[in-house]
């Protein structure tokens, strides 16, 4: 988790006023620069509540179809949704 670009993305979005949530089965909780967050366990529920999905890691690429079907805007930094 250390040096993960996701930490910086989360911090930048929060500074801009975004309500940031994340889903990562490998990282149930994060702490970074005074921010502590618990991950969303249910990807479908997290996507249903999202205006935008930001894909920063590539270890869950098998969920690309779920992301495409549930959100209108995807910022894909890892080519997790190939098409």
Foldseek 3Di string as FASTA:
>chain_A
DPPQVVLVVVVVCVVVPDPDAAADPVDQWDDDPHDIHGHDPDPLVVLQPDQEAEARDQPPLVCLVVNVVRYDYYRYPDCSNVD
